[in-house]
N, C-alpha and C. Protein backbone atom coordinates (compact mmCIF):
# COMPACT_ATOMS: atom_id res chain seq x y z
N MET A 1 -4.16 -2.61 4.11
CA MET A 1 -3.60 -3.70 3.36
C MET A 1 -3.66 -3.34 1.88
N LYS A 2 -2.57 -3.61 1.19
CA LYS A 2 -2.48 -3.30 -0.23
C LYS A 2 -2.05 -4.55 -0.98
N ALA A 3 -2.58 -4.68 -2.20
CA ALA A 3 -2.16 -5.79 -3.06
C ALA A 3 -1.97 -5.29 -4.48
N VAL A 4 -0.91 -5.71 -5.10
CA VAL A 4 -0.67 -5.50 -6.52
C VAL A 4 -0.88 -6.88 -7.15
N ILE A 5 -1.86 -6.95 -8.05
CA ILE A 5 -2.22 -8.21 -8.69
C ILE A 5 -1.80 -8.14 -10.15
N GLN A 6 -1.04 -9.13 -10.59
CA GLN A 6 -0.62 -9.18 -11.97
C GLN A 6 -1.09 -10.50 -12.58
N ARG A 7 -1.77 -10.37 -13.72
CA ARG A 7 -2.16 -11.56 -14.46
C ARG A 7 -0.91 -12.08 -15.15
N VAL A 8 -0.60 -13.35 -14.93
CA VAL A 8 0.66 -13.89 -15.44
C VAL A 8 0.44 -15.18 -16.23
N ARG A 9 1.34 -15.41 -17.14
CA ARG A 9 1.40 -16.72 -17.81
C ARG A 9 2.18 -17.69 -16.95
N SER A 10 3.16 -17.13 -16.21
CA SER A 10 3.93 -17.93 -15.25
C SER A 10 4.60 -16.98 -14.28
N ALA A 11 4.94 -17.49 -13.11
CA ALA A 11 5.66 -16.70 -12.11
C ALA A 11 6.39 -17.67 -11.19
N SER A 12 7.50 -17.19 -10.63
CA SER A 12 8.26 -18.02 -9.69
C SER A 12 8.96 -17.14 -8.68
N VAL A 13 9.36 -17.77 -7.57
CA VAL A 13 10.10 -17.09 -6.51
C VAL A 13 11.31 -17.96 -6.17
N ALA A 14 12.46 -17.32 -6.06
CA ALA A 14 13.68 -18.00 -5.63
C ALA A 14 14.23 -17.28 -4.40
N VAL A 15 14.80 -18.06 -3.50
CA VAL A 15 15.47 -17.54 -2.31
C VAL A 15 16.86 -18.15 -2.28
N ALA A 16 17.88 -17.31 -2.17
CA ALA A 16 19.27 -17.76 -2.13
C ALA A 16 19.60 -18.67 -3.32
N GLY A 17 19.08 -18.29 -4.49
CA GLY A 17 19.38 -19.03 -5.71
C GLY A 17 18.58 -20.30 -5.92
N GLU A 18 17.68 -20.63 -4.99
CA GLU A 18 16.89 -21.86 -5.11
C GLU A 18 15.41 -21.52 -5.28
N GLU A 19 14.81 -22.05 -6.33
CA GLU A 19 13.39 -21.80 -6.56
C GLU A 19 12.56 -22.46 -5.45
N VAL A 20 11.64 -21.66 -4.87
CA VAL A 20 10.80 -22.18 -3.79
C VAL A 20 9.33 -22.29 -4.19
N SER A 21 8.92 -21.57 -5.23
CA SER A 21 7.53 -21.63 -5.71
C SER A 21 7.48 -21.30 -7.18
N ARG A 22 6.48 -21.89 -7.85
CA ARG A 22 6.26 -21.62 -9.28
C ARG A 22 4.79 -21.86 -9.59
N ILE A 23 4.23 -21.00 -10.45
CA ILE A 23 2.88 -21.23 -10.96
C ILE A 23 2.89 -21.08 -12.48
N GLY A 24 1.85 -21.64 -13.09
CA GLY A 24 1.58 -21.42 -14.49
C GLY A 24 0.62 -20.25 -14.61
N PRO A 25 -0.30 -20.27 -15.55
CA PRO A 25 -1.22 -19.15 -15.72
C PRO A 25 -2.01 -18.87 -14.43
N GLY A 26 -2.15 -17.59 -14.13
CA GLY A 26 -2.90 -17.21 -12.93
C GLY A 26 -2.56 -15.80 -12.49
N LEU A 27 -2.44 -15.64 -11.18
CA LEU A 27 -2.21 -14.32 -10.60
C LEU A 27 -1.00 -14.32 -9.68
N LEU A 28 -0.15 -13.32 -9.84
CA LEU A 28 0.90 -13.02 -8.88
C LEU A 28 0.34 -11.92 -7.99
N VAL A 29 0.30 -12.17 -6.68
CA VAL A 29 -0.22 -11.19 -5.73
C VAL A 29 0.92 -10.75 -4.83
N LEU A 30 1.28 -9.46 -4.92
CA LEU A 30 2.23 -8.86 -4.00
C LEU A 30 1.41 -8.21 -2.90
N LEU A 31 1.59 -8.66 -1.65
CA LEU A 31 0.76 -8.21 -0.54
C LEU A 31 1.56 -7.41 0.46
N GLY A 32 1.07 -6.20 0.73
CA GLY A 32 1.66 -5.36 1.76
C GLY A 32 0.70 -5.24 2.93
N VAL A 33 1.22 -5.42 4.13
CA VAL A 33 0.41 -5.30 5.35
C VAL A 33 0.83 -4.03 6.06
N GLY A 34 -0.16 -3.19 6.38
CA GLY A 34 0.11 -1.92 7.03
C GLY A 34 -0.19 -1.96 8.52
N ARG A 35 0.35 -0.97 9.23
CA ARG A 35 0.06 -0.83 10.66
C ARG A 35 -1.45 -0.70 10.85
N GLY A 36 -1.97 -1.46 11.78
CA GLY A 36 -3.39 -1.39 12.09
C GLY A 36 -4.28 -2.27 11.22
N ASP A 37 -3.71 -2.94 10.23
CA ASP A 37 -4.52 -3.84 9.41
C ASP A 37 -5.02 -5.01 10.26
N THR A 38 -6.16 -5.56 9.85
CA THR A 38 -6.79 -6.66 10.60
C THR A 38 -7.16 -7.79 9.65
N GLU A 39 -7.71 -8.84 10.23
CA GLU A 39 -8.20 -9.95 9.44
C GLU A 39 -9.29 -9.51 8.47
N GLY A 40 -10.06 -8.49 8.84
CA GLY A 40 -11.12 -7.99 7.96
C GLY A 40 -10.61 -7.55 6.60
N GLU A 41 -9.48 -6.85 6.58
CA GLU A 41 -8.89 -6.43 5.31
C GLU A 41 -8.43 -7.64 4.50
N ALA A 42 -7.84 -8.62 5.19
CA ALA A 42 -7.38 -9.83 4.50
C ALA A 42 -8.56 -10.61 3.92
N ASP A 43 -9.65 -10.72 4.69
CA ASP A 43 -10.86 -11.40 4.20
C ASP A 43 -11.35 -10.73 2.92
N TRP A 44 -11.45 -9.39 2.97
CA TRP A 44 -11.96 -8.62 1.83
C TRP A 44 -11.08 -8.81 0.60
N LEU A 45 -9.76 -8.68 0.79
CA LEU A 45 -8.84 -8.81 -0.35
C LEU A 45 -8.88 -10.21 -0.95
N ALA A 46 -8.87 -11.24 -0.11
CA ALA A 46 -8.88 -12.61 -0.63
C ALA A 46 -10.15 -12.88 -1.43
N GLU A 47 -11.28 -12.43 -0.92
CA GLU A 47 -12.55 -12.63 -1.64
C GLU A 47 -12.56 -11.85 -2.95
N LYS A 48 -12.09 -10.61 -2.91
CA LYS A 48 -12.04 -9.78 -4.11
C LYS A 48 -11.13 -10.40 -5.17
N ILE A 49 -9.96 -10.86 -4.75
CA ILE A 49 -9.00 -11.45 -5.70
C ILE A 49 -9.55 -12.74 -6.30
N ALA A 50 -10.17 -13.58 -5.48
CA ALA A 50 -10.71 -14.85 -5.97
C ALA A 50 -11.79 -14.63 -7.03
N GLY A 51 -12.52 -13.54 -6.96
CA GLY A 51 -13.59 -13.28 -7.91
C GLY A 51 -13.27 -12.24 -8.97
N LEU A 52 -12.04 -11.73 -8.97
CA LEU A 52 -11.66 -10.67 -9.90
C LEU A 52 -11.73 -11.16 -11.34
N ARG A 53 -12.53 -10.48 -12.14
CA ARG A 53 -12.74 -10.89 -13.54
C ARG A 53 -11.78 -10.15 -14.45
N ILE A 54 -10.56 -10.68 -14.54
CA ILE A 54 -9.53 -10.03 -15.36
C ILE A 54 -8.92 -10.96 -16.39
N PHE A 55 -9.57 -12.11 -16.61
CA PHE A 55 -9.11 -13.04 -17.64
C PHE A 55 -10.05 -12.96 -18.84
N PRO A 56 -9.50 -13.10 -20.05
CA PRO A 56 -10.33 -12.91 -21.24
C PRO A 56 -11.30 -14.08 -21.48
N ASP A 57 -12.51 -13.71 -21.94
CA ASP A 57 -13.45 -14.73 -22.39
C ASP A 57 -13.19 -15.01 -23.87
N LYS A 58 -14.06 -15.77 -24.53
CA LYS A 58 -13.85 -16.12 -25.93
C LYS A 58 -13.85 -14.91 -26.85
N ALA A 59 -14.53 -13.84 -26.43
CA ALA A 59 -14.57 -12.61 -27.23
C ALA A 59 -13.39 -11.69 -26.92
N GLY A 60 -12.52 -12.10 -25.99
CA GLY A 60 -11.36 -11.28 -25.64
C GLY A 60 -11.64 -10.23 -24.57
N LYS A 61 -12.83 -10.21 -24.00
CA LYS A 61 -13.19 -9.25 -22.94
C LYS A 61 -12.73 -9.80 -21.60
N MET A 62 -12.25 -8.90 -20.72
CA MET A 62 -11.89 -9.32 -19.37
C MET A 62 -13.20 -9.61 -18.63
N ASN A 63 -13.56 -10.88 -18.57
CA ASN A 63 -14.87 -11.27 -18.07
C ASN A 63 -14.83 -12.51 -17.19
N LEU A 64 -13.66 -13.16 -17.09
CA LEU A 64 -13.56 -14.41 -16.35
C LEU A 64 -12.66 -14.26 -15.13
N SER A 65 -12.96 -15.04 -14.09
CA SER A 65 -12.14 -15.04 -12.88
C SER A 65 -11.33 -16.33 -12.83
N LEU A 66 -10.55 -16.47 -11.77
CA LEU A 66 -9.80 -17.70 -11.56
C LEU A 66 -10.73 -18.91 -11.49
N ARG A 67 -11.94 -18.69 -10.97
CA ARG A 67 -12.89 -19.81 -10.85
C ARG A 67 -13.19 -20.42 -12.21
N GLU A 68 -13.32 -19.58 -13.24
CA GLU A 68 -13.64 -20.08 -14.57
C GLU A 68 -12.40 -20.56 -15.34
N THR A 69 -11.24 -20.00 -15.02
CA THR A 69 -10.05 -20.33 -15.80
C THR A 69 -9.20 -21.43 -15.18
N GLY A 70 -9.41 -21.68 -13.89
CA GLY A 70 -8.60 -22.71 -13.22
C GLY A 70 -7.17 -22.28 -12.97
N GLY A 71 -6.92 -20.97 -12.94
CA GLY A 71 -5.56 -20.46 -12.72
C GLY A 71 -5.09 -20.64 -11.29
N GLU A 72 -3.82 -20.36 -11.09
CA GLU A 72 -3.17 -20.49 -9.79
C GLU A 72 -2.84 -19.11 -9.23
N ILE A 73 -2.47 -19.08 -7.94
CA ILE A 73 -2.05 -17.84 -7.29
C ILE A 73 -0.68 -18.05 -6.65
N LEU A 74 0.18 -17.07 -6.84
CA LEU A 74 1.45 -16.99 -6.13
C LEU A 74 1.38 -15.73 -5.27
N ALA A 75 1.42 -15.90 -3.94
CA ALA A 75 1.32 -14.78 -3.01
C ALA A 75 2.68 -14.49 -2.40
N VAL A 76 3.13 -13.23 -2.54
CA VAL A 76 4.45 -12.82 -2.07
C VAL A 76 4.29 -11.63 -1.14
N SER A 77 4.85 -11.72 0.06
CA SER A 77 4.80 -10.58 0.98
C SER A 77 5.67 -9.46 0.43
N GLN A 78 5.18 -8.21 0.58
CA GLN A 78 5.86 -7.08 -0.04
C GLN A 78 5.67 -5.83 0.82
N PHE A 79 6.42 -5.75 1.92
CA PHE A 79 6.25 -4.61 2.82
C PHE A 79 6.61 -3.29 2.15
N THR A 80 7.40 -3.34 1.08
CA THR A 80 7.80 -2.10 0.41
C THR A 80 6.63 -1.39 -0.28
N LEU A 81 5.46 -2.05 -0.36
CA LEU A 81 4.27 -1.36 -0.86
C LEU A 81 3.90 -0.20 0.06
N TYR A 82 4.42 -0.22 1.27
CA TYR A 82 4.18 0.87 2.22
C TYR A 82 5.33 1.86 2.28
N GLY A 83 6.20 1.83 1.26
CA GLY A 83 7.29 2.80 1.19
C GLY A 83 6.74 4.20 0.97
N ASP A 84 7.13 5.12 1.82
CA ASP A 84 6.70 6.51 1.74
C ASP A 84 7.86 7.34 1.19
N CYS A 85 7.67 7.86 -0.01
CA CYS A 85 8.73 8.62 -0.70
C CYS A 85 8.40 10.11 -0.79
N ARG A 86 7.49 10.59 0.02
CA ARG A 86 7.10 12.00 -0.07
C ARG A 86 8.20 12.94 0.37
N HIS A 87 9.06 12.49 1.27
CA HIS A 87 10.13 13.35 1.79
C HIS A 87 11.47 12.71 1.51
N GLY A 88 12.37 13.45 0.95
CA GLY A 88 13.70 12.93 0.67
C GLY A 88 13.69 11.92 -0.47
N ARG A 89 14.76 11.17 -0.54
CA ARG A 89 14.93 10.21 -1.63
C ARG A 89 14.94 8.76 -1.16
N ARG A 90 15.05 8.57 0.15
CA ARG A 90 15.04 7.21 0.69
C ARG A 90 13.66 6.94 1.27
N PRO A 91 13.00 5.86 0.84
CA PRO A 91 11.67 5.58 1.36
C PRO A 91 11.69 5.27 2.85
N GLY A 92 10.63 5.71 3.51
CA GLY A 92 10.42 5.33 4.91
C GLY A 92 9.34 4.26 4.95
N PHE A 93 9.45 3.36 5.90
CA PHE A 93 8.52 2.23 5.96
C PHE A 93 7.74 2.19 7.27
N SER A 94 7.56 3.33 7.89
CA SER A 94 6.85 3.36 9.17
C SER A 94 5.38 2.98 9.03
N GLY A 95 4.82 3.03 7.82
CA GLY A 95 3.44 2.63 7.61
C GLY A 95 3.24 1.13 7.51
N ALA A 96 4.34 0.38 7.34
CA ALA A 96 4.25 -1.08 7.25
C ALA A 96 4.06 -1.68 8.64
N ALA A 97 3.36 -2.78 8.70
CA ALA A 97 3.17 -3.48 9.97
C ALA A 97 4.51 -4.01 10.48
N PRO A 98 4.68 -4.12 11.79
CA PRO A 98 5.88 -4.77 12.31
C PRO A 98 5.97 -6.20 11.76
N PRO A 99 7.18 -6.73 11.63
CA PRO A 99 7.34 -8.03 10.98
C PRO A 99 6.46 -9.16 11.52
N ALA A 100 6.35 -9.30 12.82
CA ALA A 100 5.55 -10.41 13.37
C ALA A 100 4.08 -10.26 12.97
N GLU A 101 3.56 -9.05 13.03
CA GLU A 101 2.16 -8.82 12.65
C GLU A 101 1.98 -8.97 11.14
N GLY A 102 2.94 -8.48 10.36
CA GLY A 102 2.88 -8.65 8.92
C GLY A 102 2.86 -10.11 8.51
N GLU A 103 3.71 -10.91 9.15
CA GLU A 103 3.74 -12.34 8.82
C GLU A 103 2.44 -13.02 9.23
N ARG A 104 1.92 -12.66 10.40
CA ARG A 104 0.66 -13.27 10.86
C ARG A 104 -0.47 -13.00 9.87
N LEU A 105 -0.58 -11.74 9.40
CA LEU A 105 -1.66 -11.39 8.48
C LEU A 105 -1.41 -11.92 7.07
N TYR A 106 -0.17 -12.02 6.65
CA TYR A 106 0.16 -12.64 5.37
C TYR A 106 -0.28 -14.12 5.39
N ASP A 107 0.06 -14.82 6.48
CA ASP A 107 -0.37 -16.22 6.62
C ASP A 107 -1.89 -16.33 6.63
N TYR A 108 -2.54 -15.42 7.34
CA TYR A 108 -4.00 -15.43 7.41
C TYR A 108 -4.60 -15.20 6.02
N PHE A 109 -4.05 -14.23 5.28
CA PHE A 109 -4.51 -13.95 3.91
C PHE A 109 -4.38 -15.20 3.04
N CYS A 110 -3.26 -15.89 3.15
CA CYS A 110 -3.06 -17.12 2.36
C CYS A 110 -4.07 -18.19 2.75
N ARG A 111 -4.39 -18.30 4.02
CA ARG A 111 -5.42 -19.26 4.46
C ARG A 111 -6.79 -18.87 3.90
N CYS A 112 -7.08 -17.58 3.84
CA CYS A 112 -8.34 -17.10 3.25
C CYS A 112 -8.45 -17.51 1.79
N LEU A 113 -7.35 -17.34 1.03
CA LEU A 113 -7.35 -17.77 -0.37
C LEU A 113 -7.58 -19.27 -0.47
N GLU A 114 -6.94 -20.02 0.42
CA GLU A 114 -7.11 -21.47 0.41
C GLU A 114 -8.57 -21.85 0.68
N GLU A 115 -9.18 -21.19 1.66
CA GLU A 115 -10.59 -21.46 1.97
C GLU A 115 -11.51 -21.09 0.82
N ALA A 116 -11.09 -20.11 0.00
CA ALA A 116 -11.88 -19.72 -1.17
C ALA A 116 -11.67 -20.68 -2.34
N GLY A 117 -10.81 -21.67 -2.15
CA GLY A 117 -10.58 -22.67 -3.20
C GLY A 117 -9.33 -22.46 -4.01
N PHE A 118 -8.47 -21.54 -3.56
CA PHE A 118 -7.24 -21.23 -4.30
C PHE A 118 -6.03 -21.31 -3.39
N PRO A 119 -5.58 -22.51 -3.04
CA PRO A 119 -4.40 -22.60 -2.18
C PRO A 119 -3.21 -21.97 -2.89
N PRO A 120 -2.69 -20.89 -2.33
CA PRO A 120 -1.62 -20.19 -3.05
C PRO A 120 -0.26 -20.85 -2.86
N ARG A 121 0.56 -20.72 -3.88
CA ARG A 121 2.00 -20.96 -3.71
C ARG A 121 2.48 -19.69 -3.01
N ARG A 122 3.62 -19.76 -2.36
CA ARG A 122 4.06 -18.64 -1.54
C ARG A 122 5.52 -18.29 -1.76
N GLY A 123 5.79 -17.03 -1.47
CA GLY A 123 7.17 -16.61 -1.28
C GLY A 123 7.56 -16.98 0.14
N VAL A 124 8.72 -16.50 0.60
CA VAL A 124 9.18 -16.77 1.96
C VAL A 124 9.23 -15.45 2.71
N PHE A 125 8.37 -15.30 3.70
CA PHE A 125 8.24 -14.04 4.42
C PHE A 125 9.59 -13.62 5.01
N GLY A 126 9.91 -12.35 4.82
CA GLY A 126 11.09 -11.76 5.43
C GLY A 126 12.40 -12.08 4.75
N LYS A 127 12.37 -12.84 3.69
CA LYS A 127 13.60 -13.20 2.98
C LYS A 127 13.77 -12.32 1.74
N GLU A 128 15.00 -12.18 1.31
CA GLU A 128 15.30 -11.53 0.04
C GLU A 128 14.90 -12.51 -1.05
N MET A 129 13.98 -12.09 -1.92
CA MET A 129 13.43 -12.99 -2.94
C MET A 129 13.69 -12.44 -4.33
N LEU A 130 13.86 -13.35 -5.27
CA LEU A 130 13.90 -13.00 -6.68
C LEU A 130 12.59 -13.49 -7.28
N VAL A 131 11.77 -12.55 -7.72
CA VAL A 131 10.47 -12.89 -8.28
C VAL A 131 10.56 -12.72 -9.80
N ARG A 132 10.23 -13.77 -10.50
CA ARG A 132 10.21 -13.73 -11.97
C ARG A 132 8.76 -13.90 -12.41
N LEU A 133 8.40 -13.16 -13.45
CA LEU A 133 7.04 -13.30 -13.96
C LEU A 133 7.00 -12.99 -15.44
N GLU A 134 6.03 -13.61 -16.06
CA GLU A 134 5.70 -13.28 -17.44
C GLU A 134 4.30 -12.67 -17.37
N ASN A 135 4.25 -11.34 -17.39
CA ASN A 135 3.00 -10.61 -17.26
C ASN A 135 2.17 -10.83 -18.51
N ASP A 136 0.90 -11.17 -18.32
CA ASP A 136 0.00 -11.47 -19.42
C ASP A 136 -0.91 -10.28 -19.66
N GLY A 137 -0.74 -9.64 -20.78
CA GLY A 137 -1.60 -8.51 -21.13
C GLY A 137 -0.81 -7.31 -21.62
N PRO A 138 -0.11 -6.59 -20.80
CA PRO A 138 0.02 -6.75 -19.36
C PRO A 138 -1.24 -6.27 -18.62
N VAL A 139 -1.59 -7.01 -17.58
CA VAL A 139 -2.70 -6.63 -16.72
C VAL A 139 -2.17 -6.54 -15.30
N THR A 140 -2.26 -5.36 -14.71
CA THR A 140 -1.84 -5.12 -13.34
C THR A 140 -2.92 -4.31 -12.65
N ILE A 141 -3.39 -4.81 -11.51
CA ILE A 141 -4.46 -4.16 -10.75
C ILE A 141 -3.94 -3.89 -9.34
N ILE A 142 -4.26 -2.71 -8.81
CA ILE A 142 -3.89 -2.36 -7.43
C ILE A 142 -5.16 -2.32 -6.61
N LEU A 143 -5.17 -3.10 -5.52
CA LEU A 143 -6.31 -3.11 -4.59
C LEU A 143 -5.82 -2.67 -3.23
N GLU A 144 -6.65 -1.88 -2.56
CA GLU A 144 -6.32 -1.44 -1.22
C GLU A 144 -7.57 -1.41 -0.37
N LYS A 145 -7.48 -1.99 0.80
CA LYS A 145 -8.58 -1.95 1.76
C LYS A 145 -8.01 -1.34 3.02
N ASN A 146 -8.54 -0.17 3.38
CA ASN A 146 -8.06 0.48 4.62
C ASN A 146 -9.20 1.07 5.38
């Protein structure tokens, strides 16, 4: 399981021209589910993200987490994080989980965030989405549990 976490001032997701989710300050999480991933990876990532200290304190140091800042989370499924570009020019996605398993673990990950006290806004699994964000910092962190 892979996640790209971006600290944002705001972020939104639209499907077919209609906005389906929006957050203010917080984290945009792009989540990729790989073949063989389990609930254990989702548990680990949700806990890590909930406690990630990437927000500035009064001295400007990245020292605060969502718990201290009261920020929101927007979680978007992103199977293309498993794009393999080592051969040729067109990415292969054989490392990504099959859609039904990917959706199941994406939903499970979102429930884990909710149980940690951060009910996420969501993208729409399997749909073509337009994701807009105002990256704050910019701060972008890549987490992977395999």
